[in-house]
Amino acid sequence: MLNIAVFISGGGTNLQAIIDAVKENKINGKIKLVFSNRKNAYGLIRAQNESIDTFYLNRKKFFSNEEYDERILEELEINNIDLIVLAGYLNILSSKLVSKYSNRIINIHPSLIPSFCGDGFYGENVHKAVIKSGVKFTGATTHFVDENVDTGAIILQDVVPVFINDDFETVAKRVLEIEHEILVKTVKAFCDNKIVFKDNRAFIVEE
């Protein structure tokens, strides 16, 4: 059974999806730690309600991302963390942390990468850009994290339609539903050692 740390910055609905899947024995792992860079993130309460250890650090008290992540790494090592899941975590990880957990950090992004991703594309900004562009489909992507923004190997994607009367909020709600689904599938596959690489591309295999 793998030890999982979930990083959040907000309400933690994707965290809740993982919590529920673990409780239902759908994931062969244990959430050992929930970390947030925001003190009032509701996801911390979700974790505390399940007796999961939580950890908050104020980024402003650290000189650099590297120094900030050094402290996070200490906590990860204390908890023997095998997998980090970024579930709405709005801070860029340092190269040291990414290197230490190479191919062991998974992110969920609310678009079909490589569209609507990279610097500045997070939260409602993504869905506003989707509406403005006029695309007819959008979706969500799970991917491994590398040293750049949203450029790591794609693991899973799913698609939703964009309708004529949609606004960014209705699109966000539709995308969030599939985020929960593919994130749980991805974490399950990782814990079951079912993710393989071919030519720097990631795939989930059933056999």
N, C-alpha and C. Protein backbone atom coordinates (compact mmCIF):
# COMPACT_ATOMS: atom_id res chain seq x y z
N MET A 1 0.85 -1.20 0.00
CA MET A 1 0.00 0.00 0.00
C MET A 1 0.88 1.25 0.00
N LEU A 2 0.62 2.15 -0.94
CA LEU A 2 1.45 3.34 -1.07
C LEU A 2 0.95 4.48 -0.17
N ASN A 3 1.89 5.29 0.28
CA ASN A 3 1.56 6.48 1.06
C ASN A 3 1.43 7.68 0.13
N ILE A 4 0.30 8.36 0.23
CA ILE A 4 -0.04 9.44 -0.69
C ILE A 4 -0.09 10.77 0.06
N ALA A 5 0.48 11.81 -0.55
CA ALA A 5 0.31 13.19 -0.08
C ALA A 5 -0.48 13.94 -1.14
N VAL A 6 -1.49 14.68 -0.70
CA VAL A 6 -2.29 15.48 -1.62
C VAL A 6 -2.04 16.95 -1.32
N PHE A 7 -1.68 17.71 -2.35
CA PHE A 7 -1.44 19.15 -2.23
C PHE A 7 -2.66 19.90 -2.75
N ILE A 8 -3.14 20.86 -1.99
CA ILE A 8 -4.33 21.61 -2.36
C ILE A 8 -4.13 23.10 -2.09
N SER A 9 -5.00 23.90 -2.72
CA SER A 9 -5.03 25.34 -2.41
C SER A 9 -6.44 25.84 -2.15
N GLY A 10 -7.43 24.97 -2.33
CA GLY A 10 -8.81 25.45 -2.25
C GLY A 10 -9.75 24.47 -1.57
N GLY A 11 -10.93 24.31 -2.18
CA GLY A 11 -12.02 23.57 -1.57
C GLY A 11 -11.79 22.08 -1.42
N GLY A 12 -10.97 21.53 -2.28
CA GLY A 12 -10.59 20.13 -2.11
C GLY A 12 -11.61 19.11 -2.59
N THR A 13 -12.39 19.43 -3.63
CA THR A 13 -13.35 18.43 -4.12
C THR A 13 -12.63 17.25 -4.78
N ASN A 14 -11.53 17.50 -5.46
CA ASN A 14 -10.75 16.39 -6.01
C ASN A 14 -10.12 15.56 -4.89
N LEU A 15 -9.68 16.22 -3.84
CA LEU A 15 -9.21 15.51 -2.65
C LEU A 15 -10.30 14.61 -2.11
N GLN A 16 -11.52 15.14 -2.02
CA GLN A 16 -12.64 14.36 -1.49
C GLN A 16 -12.90 13.12 -2.35
N ALA A 17 -12.76 13.28 -3.66
CA ALA A 17 -12.95 12.13 -4.55
C ALA A 17 -11.94 11.03 -4.24
N ILE A 18 -10.70 11.43 -3.95
CA ILE A 18 -9.67 10.44 -3.61
C ILE A 18 -9.96 9.82 -2.25
N ILE A 19 -10.33 10.66 -1.27
CA ILE A 19 -10.68 10.15 0.06
C ILE A 19 -11.77 9.09 -0.05
N ASP A 20 -12.82 9.41 -0.81
CA ASP A 20 -13.94 8.47 -0.95
C ASP A 20 -13.50 7.17 -1.62
N ALA A 21 -12.66 7.29 -2.64
CA ALA A 21 -12.18 6.09 -3.35
C ALA A 21 -11.33 5.21 -2.44
N VAL A 22 -10.51 5.83 -1.60
CA VAL A 22 -9.69 5.06 -0.66
C VAL A 22 -10.59 4.34 0.34
N LYS A 23 -11.60 5.05 0.85
CA LYS A 23 -12.53 4.45 1.82
C LYS A 23 -13.30 3.28 1.22
N GLU A 24 -13.55 3.36 -0.09
CA GLU A 24 -14.28 2.29 -0.79
C GLU A 24 -13.35 1.20 -1.32
N ASN A 25 -12.08 1.27 -0.91
CA ASN A 25 -11.06 0.28 -1.31
C ASN A 25 -10.85 0.21 -2.82
N LYS A 26 -11.06 1.33 -3.50
CA LYS A 26 -10.82 1.40 -4.94
C LYS A 26 -9.36 1.75 -5.24
N ILE A 27 -8.67 2.29 -4.24
CA ILE A 27 -7.27 2.70 -4.40
C ILE A 27 -6.43 1.97 -3.36
N ASN A 28 -5.37 1.33 -3.82
CA ASN A 28 -4.48 0.58 -2.93
C ASN A 28 -3.43 1.53 -2.35
N GLY A 29 -3.92 2.50 -1.61
CA GLY A 29 -3.04 3.50 -1.02
C GLY A 29 -3.69 4.15 0.18
N LYS A 30 -2.90 4.91 0.91
CA LYS A 30 -3.39 5.62 2.09
C LYS A 30 -2.98 7.08 1.98
N ILE A 31 -3.93 7.98 2.20
CA ILE A 31 -3.59 9.40 2.23
C ILE A 31 -2.97 9.70 3.59
N LYS A 32 -1.66 9.88 3.59
CA LYS A 32 -0.94 10.12 4.84
C LYS A 32 -0.90 11.59 5.21
N LEU A 33 -1.00 12.46 4.20
CA LEU A 33 -0.79 13.88 4.45
C LEU A 33 -1.53 14.72 3.42
N VAL A 34 -2.16 15.79 3.89
CA VAL A 34 -2.73 16.80 2.99
C VAL A 34 -2.03 18.11 3.30
N PHE A 35 -1.41 18.68 2.27
CA PHE A 35 -0.66 19.93 2.42
C PHE A 35 -1.35 21.05 1.67
N SER A 36 -1.34 22.25 2.26
CA SER A 36 -1.88 23.42 1.57
C SER A 36 -0.98 24.62 1.77
N ASN A 37 -0.92 25.45 0.72
CA ASN A 37 -0.21 26.73 0.82
C ASN A 37 -1.16 27.84 1.25
N ARG A 38 -2.41 27.49 1.53
CA ARG A 38 -3.40 28.47 1.98
C ARG A 38 -4.04 27.98 3.28
N LYS A 39 -3.92 28.80 4.30
CA LYS A 39 -4.35 28.42 5.64
C LYS A 39 -5.83 28.09 5.72
N ASN A 40 -6.65 28.83 4.96
CA ASN A 40 -8.11 28.66 5.06
C ASN A 40 -8.69 27.76 3.97
N ALA A 41 -7.86 26.99 3.31
CA ALA A 41 -8.36 26.07 2.28
C ALA A 41 -9.30 25.06 2.91
N TYR A 42 -10.50 24.96 2.36
CA TYR A 42 -11.50 24.06 2.95
C TYR A 42 -11.07 22.60 2.85
N GLY A 43 -10.23 22.31 1.89
CA GLY A 43 -9.72 20.94 1.77
C GLY A 43 -9.02 20.46 3.03
N LEU A 44 -8.42 21.36 3.80
CA LEU A 44 -7.79 20.98 5.06
C LEU A 44 -8.83 20.45 6.04
N ILE A 45 -10.00 21.08 6.05
CA ILE A 45 -11.09 20.61 6.93
C ILE A 45 -11.59 19.25 6.47
N ARG A 46 -11.70 19.07 5.15
CA ARG A 46 -12.10 17.75 4.63
C ARG A 46 -11.16 16.66 5.16
N ALA A 47 -9.87 16.96 5.12
CA ALA A 47 -8.88 15.98 5.58
C ALA A 47 -9.00 15.74 7.09
N GLN A 48 -9.12 16.82 7.84
CA GLN A 48 -9.23 16.70 9.30
C GLN A 48 -10.47 15.91 9.70
N ASN A 49 -11.55 16.06 8.93
CA ASN A 49 -12.77 15.30 9.20
C ASN A 49 -12.57 13.80 9.05
N GLU A 50 -11.53 13.42 8.30
CA GLU A 50 -11.21 12.01 8.08
C GLU A 50 -9.99 11.57 8.88
N SER A 51 -9.58 12.42 9.83
CA SER A 51 -8.42 12.14 10.69
C SER A 51 -7.13 11.96 9.88
N ILE A 52 -7.03 12.71 8.78
CA ILE A 52 -5.82 12.72 7.97
C ILE A 52 -4.94 13.88 8.42
N ASP A 53 -3.66 13.65 8.58
CA ASP A 53 -2.74 14.71 9.00
C ASP A 53 -2.71 15.83 7.96
N THR A 54 -2.71 17.07 8.44
CA THR A 54 -2.65 18.22 7.55
C THR A 54 -1.44 19.08 7.88
N PHE A 55 -1.04 19.86 6.89
CA PHE A 55 0.20 20.63 7.00
C PHE A 55 0.02 21.90 6.17
N TYR A 56 0.27 23.05 6.79
CA TYR A 56 0.16 24.33 6.09
C TYR A 56 1.46 25.10 6.25
N LEU A 57 1.89 25.73 5.15
CA LEU A 57 3.07 26.60 5.19
C LEU A 57 2.77 27.89 4.44
N ASN A 58 3.12 29.00 5.06
CA ASN A 58 2.95 30.31 4.43
C ASN A 58 4.15 30.60 3.53
N ARG A 59 3.91 30.64 2.22
CA ARG A 59 5.00 30.86 1.25
C ARG A 59 5.73 32.18 1.52
N LYS A 60 5.03 33.19 2.01
CA LYS A 60 5.62 34.52 2.20
C LYS A 60 6.72 34.53 3.26
N LYS A 61 6.76 33.49 4.08
CA LYS A 61 7.78 33.43 5.13
C LYS A 61 9.08 32.78 4.65
N PHE A 62 9.12 32.43 3.38
CA PHE A 62 10.31 31.78 2.82
C PHE A 62 10.89 32.63 1.70
N PHE A 63 12.20 32.63 1.60
CA PHE A 63 12.89 33.48 0.64
C PHE A 63 12.62 33.06 -0.80
N SER A 64 12.52 31.76 -1.03
CA SER A 64 12.38 31.26 -2.40
C SER A 64 11.51 30.00 -2.41
N ASN A 65 11.10 29.61 -3.61
CA ASN A 65 10.37 28.34 -3.77
C ASN A 65 11.23 27.17 -3.32
N GLU A 66 12.53 27.26 -3.58
CA GLU A 66 13.44 26.19 -3.21
C GLU A 66 13.46 26.00 -1.69
N GLU A 67 13.56 27.11 -0.96
CA GLU A 67 13.57 27.04 0.50
C GLU A 67 12.23 26.53 1.02
N TYR A 68 11.16 27.00 0.41
CA TYR A 68 9.80 26.57 0.77
C TYR A 68 9.66 25.06 0.59
N ASP A 69 10.08 24.58 -0.57
CA ASP A 69 9.93 23.16 -0.87
C ASP A 69 10.87 22.28 -0.06
N GLU A 70 11.99 22.85 0.40
CA GLU A 70 12.88 22.10 1.30
C GLU A 70 12.12 21.69 2.56
N ARG A 71 11.35 22.65 3.08
CA ARG A 71 10.57 22.35 4.29
C ARG A 71 9.47 21.32 4.00
N ILE A 72 8.86 21.44 2.82
CA ILE A 72 7.84 20.47 2.43
C ILE A 72 8.46 19.08 2.30
N LEU A 73 9.64 19.02 1.68
CA LEU A 73 10.33 17.74 1.51
C LEU A 73 10.60 17.05 2.84
N GLU A 74 10.95 17.83 3.85
CA GLU A 74 11.18 17.25 5.17
C GLU A 74 9.94 16.51 5.65
N GLU A 75 8.79 17.15 5.47
CA GLU A 75 7.53 16.55 5.93
C GLU A 75 7.18 15.31 5.10
N LEU A 76 7.46 15.37 3.80
CA LEU A 76 7.19 14.22 2.94
C LEU A 76 8.05 13.02 3.34
N GLU A 77 9.30 13.29 3.68
CA GLU A 77 10.20 12.21 4.05
C GLU A 77 9.82 11.62 5.41
N ILE A 78 9.40 12.46 6.33
CA ILE A 78 8.94 11.97 7.64
C ILE A 78 7.78 11.00 7.47
N ASN A 79 6.91 11.31 6.51
CA ASN A 79 5.71 10.49 6.29
C ASN A 79 5.90 9.39 5.25
N ASN A 80 7.13 9.21 4.78
CA ASN A 80 7.44 8.15 3.81
C ASN A 80 6.51 8.18 2.61
N ILE A 81 6.37 9.36 2.02
CA ILE A 81 5.43 9.54 0.91
C ILE A 81 5.97 8.92 -0.37
N ASP A 82 5.10 8.15 -1.03
CA ASP A 82 5.44 7.49 -2.29
C ASP A 82 4.91 8.26 -3.50
N LEU A 83 3.80 8.94 -3.33
CA LEU A 83 3.12 9.61 -4.44
C LEU A 83 2.59 10.96 -3.97
N ILE A 84 2.81 11.99 -4.79
CA ILE A 84 2.23 13.31 -4.55
C ILE A 84 1.16 13.56 -5.60
N VAL A 85 -0.01 13.99 -5.14
CA VAL A 85 -1.10 14.35 -6.05
C VAL A 85 -1.38 15.83 -5.89
N LEU A 86 -1.24 16.58 -6.98
CA LEU A 86 -1.57 18.00 -6.97
C LEU A 86 -3.03 18.14 -7.38
N ALA A 87 -3.88 18.45 -6.41
CA ALA A 87 -5.32 18.50 -6.65
C ALA A 87 -5.81 19.94 -6.45
N GLY A 88 -5.50 20.77 -7.44
CA GLY A 88 -5.84 22.18 -7.31
C GLY A 88 -4.82 22.93 -6.48
N TYR A 89 -3.55 22.59 -6.64
CA TYR A 89 -2.47 23.25 -5.90
C TYR A 89 -1.90 24.36 -6.77
N LEU A 90 -2.02 25.60 -6.29
CA LEU A 90 -1.68 26.76 -7.11
C LEU A 90 -0.33 27.36 -6.72
N ASN A 91 0.69 26.52 -6.77
CA ASN A 91 2.05 27.00 -6.56
C ASN A 91 2.98 26.14 -7.40
N ILE A 92 3.98 26.77 -8.01
CA ILE A 92 4.91 26.04 -8.85
C ILE A 92 5.93 25.30 -7.98
N LEU A 93 6.11 24.02 -8.23
CA LEU A 93 7.07 23.24 -7.46
C LEU A 93 8.50 23.55 -7.90
N SER A 94 9.42 23.49 -6.95
CA SER A 94 10.83 23.71 -7.27
C SER A 94 11.39 22.50 -8.03
N SER A 95 12.48 22.74 -8.75
CA SER A 95 13.10 21.65 -9.52
C SER A 95 13.61 20.55 -8.59
N LYS A 96 14.01 20.92 -7.38
CA LYS A 96 14.52 19.91 -6.45
C LYS A 96 13.43 18.94 -6.03
N LEU A 97 12.25 19.47 -5.72
CA LEU A 97 11.15 18.60 -5.31
C LEU A 97 10.72 17.72 -6.48
N VAL A 98 10.62 18.32 -7.66
CA VAL A 98 10.22 17.56 -8.85
C VAL A 98 11.22 16.45 -9.14
N SER A 99 12.50 16.77 -9.01
CA SER A 99 13.55 15.77 -9.26
C SER A 99 13.50 14.65 -8.23
N LYS A 100 13.29 15.02 -6.98
CA LYS A 100 13.24 14.03 -5.90
C LYS A 100 12.10 13.05 -6.10
N TYR A 101 10.98 13.55 -6.63
CA TYR A 101 9.80 12.71 -6.84
C TYR A 101 9.51 12.54 -8.33
N SER A 102 10.55 12.38 -9.11
CA SER A 102 10.39 12.22 -10.56
C SER A 102 9.44 11.07 -10.89
N ASN A 103 8.45 11.36 -11.74
CA ASN A 103 7.42 10.39 -12.13
C ASN A 103 6.63 9.85 -10.94
N ARG A 104 6.61 10.65 -9.87
CA ARG A 104 5.79 10.30 -8.70
C ARG A 104 4.94 11.49 -8.26
N ILE A 105 4.79 12.47 -9.15
CA ILE A 105 3.91 13.61 -8.90
C ILE A 105 2.89 13.67 -10.02
N ILE A 106 1.62 13.63 -9.65
CA ILE A 106 0.52 13.67 -10.62
C ILE A 106 -0.27 14.96 -10.43
N ASN A 107 -0.59 15.61 -11.53
CA ASN A 107 -1.41 16.82 -11.50
C ASN A 107 -2.70 16.60 -12.27
N ILE A 108 -3.75 17.28 -11.83
CA ILE A 108 -5.01 17.31 -12.58
C ILE A 108 -5.17 18.71 -13.14
N HIS A 109 -5.43 18.81 -14.45
CA HIS A 109 -5.58 20.11 -15.10
C HIS A 109 -6.93 20.16 -15.81
N PRO A 110 -7.66 21.29 -15.69
CA PRO A 110 -9.03 21.36 -16.21
C PRO A 110 -9.13 21.74 -17.68
N SER A 111 -8.32 21.12 -18.51
CA SER A 111 -8.45 21.28 -19.97
C SER A 111 -7.80 20.08 -20.64
N LEU A 112 -7.94 20.04 -21.95
CA LEU A 112 -7.30 18.98 -22.73
C LEU A 112 -5.91 19.46 -23.15
N ILE A 113 -4.93 19.19 -22.30
CA ILE A 113 -3.55 19.55 -22.63
C ILE A 113 -3.18 18.91 -23.97
N PRO A 114 -2.55 19.64 -24.90
CA PRO A 114 -1.81 20.90 -24.73
C PRO A 114 -2.60 22.18 -24.97
N SER A 115 -3.93 22.12 -24.98
CA SER A 115 -4.73 23.34 -25.11
C SER A 115 -5.01 23.94 -23.74
N PHE A 116 -5.03 25.27 -23.68
CA PHE A 116 -5.43 26.00 -22.47
C PHE A 116 -4.64 25.55 -21.24
N CYS A 117 -3.33 25.60 -21.37
CA CYS A 117 -2.47 25.18 -20.26
C CYS A 117 -1.22 26.04 -20.24
N GLY A 118 -0.41 25.87 -19.21
CA GLY A 118 0.81 26.65 -19.08
C GLY A 118 0.62 27.84 -18.16
N ASP A 119 1.54 28.78 -18.22
CA ASP A 119 1.52 29.93 -17.32
C ASP A 119 0.19 30.69 -17.42
N GLY A 120 -0.42 30.94 -16.27
CA GLY A 120 -1.64 31.73 -16.21
C GLY A 120 -2.92 30.95 -16.42
N PHE A 121 -2.81 29.72 -16.88
CA PHE A 121 -4.01 28.91 -17.12
C PHE A 121 -4.30 28.03 -15.90
N TYR A 122 -5.09 28.57 -14.99
CA TYR A 122 -5.51 27.82 -13.81
C TYR A 122 -6.89 28.32 -13.40
N GLY A 123 -7.63 27.46 -12.70
CA GLY A 123 -8.94 27.84 -12.19
C GLY A 123 -9.87 28.34 -13.28
N GLU A 124 -10.60 29.41 -12.95
CA GLU A 124 -11.60 29.92 -13.89
C GLU A 124 -10.97 30.53 -15.13
N ASN A 125 -9.69 30.90 -15.06
CA ASN A 125 -9.02 31.44 -16.25
C ASN A 125 -9.08 30.46 -17.42
N VAL A 126 -8.95 29.17 -17.11
CA VAL A 126 -9.00 28.14 -18.15
C VAL A 126 -10.35 28.14 -18.84
N HIS A 127 -11.41 28.12 -18.05
CA HIS A 127 -12.76 27.99 -18.60
C HIS A 127 -13.21 29.27 -19.31
N LYS A 128 -12.75 30.41 -18.84
CA LYS A 128 -13.03 31.66 -19.55
C LYS A 128 -12.37 31.66 -20.92
N ALA A 129 -11.15 31.15 -20.99
CA ALA A 129 -10.45 31.07 -22.27
C ALA A 129 -11.14 30.08 -23.21
N VAL A 130 -11.65 29.00 -22.66
CA VAL A 130 -12.39 28.02 -23.46
C VAL A 130 -13.62 28.66 -24.09
N ILE A 131 -14.40 29.39 -23.28
CA ILE A 131 -15.60 30.05 -23.79
C ILE A 131 -15.23 31.07 -24.87
N LYS A 132 -14.22 31.87 -24.59
CA LYS A 132 -13.82 32.92 -25.53
C LYS A 132 -13.35 32.35 -26.86
N SER A 133 -12.71 31.20 -26.82
CA SER A 133 -12.12 30.62 -28.04
C SER A 133 -13.15 30.06 -29.00
N GLY A 134 -14.30 29.66 -28.45
CA GLY A 134 -15.32 29.06 -29.30
C GLY A 134 -15.14 27.58 -29.57
N VAL A 135 -14.24 26.91 -28.86
CA VAL A 135 -14.08 25.47 -29.06
C VAL A 135 -15.36 24.75 -28.66
N LYS A 136 -15.59 23.62 -29.27
CA LYS A 136 -16.83 22.87 -29.05
C LYS A 136 -16.68 21.77 -28.01
N PHE A 137 -15.43 21.47 -27.66
CA PHE A 137 -15.16 20.46 -26.64
C PHE A 137 -14.02 20.93 -25.75
N THR A 138 -14.10 20.55 -24.49
CA THR A 138 -13.00 20.76 -23.56
C THR A 138 -12.92 19.51 -22.69
N GLY A 139 -12.19 19.56 -21.61
CA GLY A 139 -12.08 18.36 -20.80
C GLY A 139 -11.10 18.52 -19.66
N ALA A 140 -10.53 17.41 -19.24
CA ALA A 140 -9.58 17.40 -18.13
C ALA A 140 -8.46 16.41 -18.44
N THR A 141 -7.32 16.65 -17.83
CA THR A 141 -6.12 15.86 -18.09
C THR A 141 -5.40 15.55 -16.78
N THR A 142 -4.99 14.30 -16.61
CA THR A 142 -4.01 14.00 -15.56
C THR A 142 -2.66 13.79 -16.24
N HIS A 143 -1.62 14.27 -15.58
CA HIS A 143 -0.28 14.14 -16.16
C HIS A 143 0.77 14.12 -15.07
N PHE A 144 1.91 13.55 -15.40
CA PHE A 144 3.05 13.64 -14.49
C PHE A 144 3.61 15.06 -14.53
N VAL A 145 4.22 15.46 -13.44
CA VAL A 145 4.77 16.81 -13.32
C VAL A 145 6.26 16.78 -13.61
N ASP A 146 6.67 17.66 -14.51
CA ASP A 146 8.10 17.85 -14.75
C ASP A 146 8.48 19.28 -14.35
N GLU A 147 9.62 19.76 -14.80
CA GLU A 147 10.11 21.06 -14.32
C GLU A 147 9.47 22.25 -15.02
N ASN A 148 8.63 22.01 -16.01
CA ASN A 148 7.89 23.08 -16.66
C ASN A 148 6.41 22.99 -16.28
N VAL A 149 5.62 23.95 -16.75
CA VAL A 149 4.22 24.01 -16.35
C VAL A 149 3.35 23.25 -17.34
N ASP A 150 2.70 22.20 -16.85
CA ASP A 150 1.73 21.41 -17.64
C ASP A 150 2.35 20.74 -18.86
N THR A 151 3.61 20.35 -18.77
CA THR A 151 4.28 19.74 -19.92
C THR A 151 4.66 18.28 -19.69
N GLY A 152 4.39 17.74 -18.51
CA GLY A 152 4.75 16.36 -18.22
C GLY A 152 3.89 15.37 -18.99
N ALA A 153 4.31 14.12 -18.99
CA ALA A 153 3.63 13.08 -19.76
C ALA A 153 2.16 12.96 -19.37
N ILE A 154 1.29 13.01 -20.38
CA ILE A 154 -0.15 12.89 -20.18
C ILE A 154 -0.50 11.44 -19.83
N ILE A 155 -1.34 11.28 -18.81
CA ILE A 155 -1.75 9.93 -18.38
C ILE A 155 -3.16 9.61 -18.86
N LEU A 156 -4.12 10.44 -18.46
CA LEU A 156 -5.52 10.23 -18.85
C LEU A 156 -6.16 11.54 -19.26
N GLN A 157 -7.13 11.45 -20.17
CA GLN A 157 -7.93 12.61 -20.55
C GLN A 157 -9.38 12.17 -20.74
N ASP A 158 -10.29 13.10 -20.52
CA ASP A 158 -11.69 12.87 -20.84
C ASP A 158 -12.27 14.18 -21.37
N VAL A 159 -13.36 14.07 -22.10
CA VAL A 159 -13.90 15.18 -22.88
C VAL A 159 -15.33 15.49 -22.48
N VAL A 160 -15.67 16.79 -22.49
CA VAL A 160 -17.06 17.23 -22.33
C VAL A 160 -17.38 18.24 -23.43
N PRO A 161 -18.65 18.36 -23.80
CA PRO A 161 -19.04 19.34 -24.82
C PRO A 161 -19.14 20.74 -24.24
N VAL A 162 -19.02 21.72 -25.12
CA VAL A 162 -19.28 23.12 -24.77
C VAL A 162 -20.50 23.56 -25.58
N PHE A 163 -21.55 24.01 -24.88
CA PHE A 163 -22.82 24.34 -25.53
C PHE A 163 -22.96 25.84 -25.76
N ILE A 164 -23.89 26.20 -26.62
CA ILE A 164 -24.06 27.59 -27.03
C ILE A 164 -24.39 28.51 -25.86
N ASN A 165 -25.13 28.02 -24.88
CA ASN A 165 -25.53 28.86 -23.75
C ASN A 165 -24.62 28.72 -22.53
N ASP A 166 -23.52 28.02 -22.68
CA ASP A 166 -22.59 27.86 -21.55
C ASP A 166 -21.89 29.17 -21.20
N ASP A 167 -21.58 29.32 -19.92
CA ASP A 167 -20.61 30.32 -19.49
C ASP A 167 -19.49 29.57 -18.78
N PHE A 168 -18.50 30.30 -18.28
CA PHE A 168 -17.35 29.60 -17.71
C PHE A 168 -17.73 28.76 -16.50
N GLU A 169 -18.77 29.18 -15.77
CA GLU A 169 -19.18 28.44 -14.58
C GLU A 169 -19.82 27.10 -14.92
N THR A 170 -20.67 27.08 -15.95
CA THR A 170 -21.30 25.81 -16.32
C THR A 170 -20.28 24.85 -16.92
N VAL A 171 -19.33 25.39 -17.66
CA VAL A 171 -18.26 24.55 -18.20
C VAL A 171 -17.41 23.99 -17.06
N ALA A 172 -17.08 24.84 -16.10
CA ALA A 172 -16.26 24.42 -14.96
C ALA A 172 -16.93 23.28 -14.19
N LYS A 173 -18.23 23.39 -13.99
CA LYS A 173 -18.96 22.34 -13.26
C LYS A 173 -18.92 21.02 -14.02
N ARG A 174 -19.10 21.09 -15.33
CA ARG A 174 -19.10 19.88 -16.16
C ARG A 174 -17.71 19.23 -16.17
N VAL A 175 -16.69 20.07 -16.27
CA VAL A 175 -15.31 19.55 -16.28
C VAL A 175 -14.95 18.94 -14.93
N LEU A 176 -15.40 19.57 -13.84
CA LEU A 176 -15.05 19.09 -12.50
C LEU A 176 -15.51 17.66 -12.28
N GLU A 177 -16.67 17.32 -12.83
CA GLU A 177 -17.18 15.96 -12.67
C GLU A 177 -16.23 14.93 -13.28
N ILE A 178 -15.69 15.24 -14.45
CA ILE A 178 -14.77 14.27 -15.06
C ILE A 178 -13.38 14.34 -14.44
N GLU A 179 -13.04 15.50 -13.84
CA GLU A 179 -11.78 15.58 -13.10
C GLU A 179 -11.76 14.52 -12.00
N HIS A 180 -12.85 14.46 -11.23
CA HIS A 180 -12.93 13.48 -10.14
C HIS A 180 -12.71 12.07 -10.67
N GLU A 181 -13.36 11.76 -11.78
CA GLU A 181 -13.31 10.40 -12.33
C GLU A 181 -11.90 10.03 -12.79
N ILE A 182 -11.29 10.90 -13.59
CA ILE A 182 -9.98 10.51 -14.15
C ILE A 182 -8.87 10.60 -13.11
N LEU A 183 -9.03 11.48 -12.13
CA LEU A 183 -8.00 11.55 -11.09
C LEU A 183 -8.00 10.28 -10.26
N VAL A 184 -9.18 9.81 -9.88
CA VAL A 184 -9.27 8.55 -9.12
C VAL A 184 -8.70 7.39 -9.94
N LYS A 185 -9.06 7.32 -11.23
CA LYS A 185 -8.54 6.25 -12.09
C LYS A 185 -7.02 6.31 -12.18
N THR A 186 -6.48 7.52 -12.27
CA THR A 186 -5.04 7.69 -12.39
C THR A 186 -4.31 7.29 -11.12
N VAL A 187 -4.81 7.74 -9.98
CA VAL A 187 -4.18 7.38 -8.70
C VAL A 187 -4.26 5.87 -8.48
N LYS A 188 -5.40 5.29 -8.80
CA LYS A 188 -5.55 3.84 -8.68
C LYS A 188 -4.52 3.12 -9.55
N ALA A 189 -4.39 3.57 -10.80
CA ALA A 189 -3.44 2.93 -11.72
C ALA A 189 -2.01 3.05 -11.22
N PHE A 190 -1.66 4.21 -10.67
CA PHE A 190 -0.31 4.40 -10.13
C PHE A 190 -0.07 3.43 -8.98
N CYS A 191 -1.01 3.36 -8.06
CA CYS A 191 -0.85 2.50 -6.88
C CYS A 191 -0.83 1.02 -7.26
N ASP A 192 -1.46 0.68 -8.37
CA ASP A 192 -1.45 -0.70 -8.86
C ASP A 192 -0.29 -0.98 -9.81
N ASN A 193 0.59 0.02 -9.97
CA ASN A 193 1.75 -0.12 -10.86
C ASN A 193 1.33 -0.43 -12.30
N LYS A 194 0.27 0.24 -12.76
CA LYS A 194 -0.28 -0.01 -14.09
C LYS A 194 0.04 1.10 -15.09
N ILE A 195 0.90 2.04 -14.71
CA ILE A 195 1.28 3.11 -15.63
C ILE A 195 2.65 2.78 -16.22
N VAL A 196 2.72 2.77 -17.55
CA VAL A 196 3.97 2.46 -18.23
C VAL A 196 4.33 3.60 -19.18
N PHE A 197 5.60 3.67 -19.53
CA PHE A 197 6.09 4.69 -20.45
C PHE A 197 6.54 4.05 -21.76
N LYS A 198 6.24 4.73 -22.85
CA LYS A 198 6.76 4.36 -24.16
C LYS A 198 7.09 5.64 -24.92
N ASP A 199 8.36 5.81 -25.29
CA ASP A 199 8.80 7.01 -26.01
C ASP A 199 8.39 8.28 -25.26
N ASN A 200 8.61 8.28 -23.94
CA ASN A 200 8.29 9.42 -23.07
C ASN A 200 6.80 9.73 -23.00
N ARG A 201 5.97 8.79 -23.42
CA ARG A 201 4.52 8.92 -23.27
C ARG A 201 4.05 7.94 -22.21
N ALA A 202 3.04 8.33 -21.43
CA ALA A 202 2.54 7.49 -20.34
C ALA A 202 1.21 6.85 -20.74
N PHE A 203 1.06 5.59 -20.37
CA PHE A 203 -0.16 4.85 -20.66
C PHE A 203 -0.55 4.00 -19.46
N ILE A 204 -1.86 3.80 -19.29
CA ILE A 204 -2.36 2.87 -18.29
C ILE A 204 -2.62 1.54 -18.98
N VAL A 205 -2.04 0.48 -18.43
CA VAL A 205 -2.23 -0.86 -19.00
C VAL A 205 -3.02 -1.72 -18.01
N GLU A 206 -3.84 -2.58 -18.54
CA GLU A 206 -4.67 -3.42 -17.69
C GLU A 206 -4.00 -4.75 -17.36
N GLU A 207 -3.04 -5.15 -18.18
CA GLU A 207 -2.37 -6.44 -17.96
C GLU A 207 -0.91 -6.21 -17.57
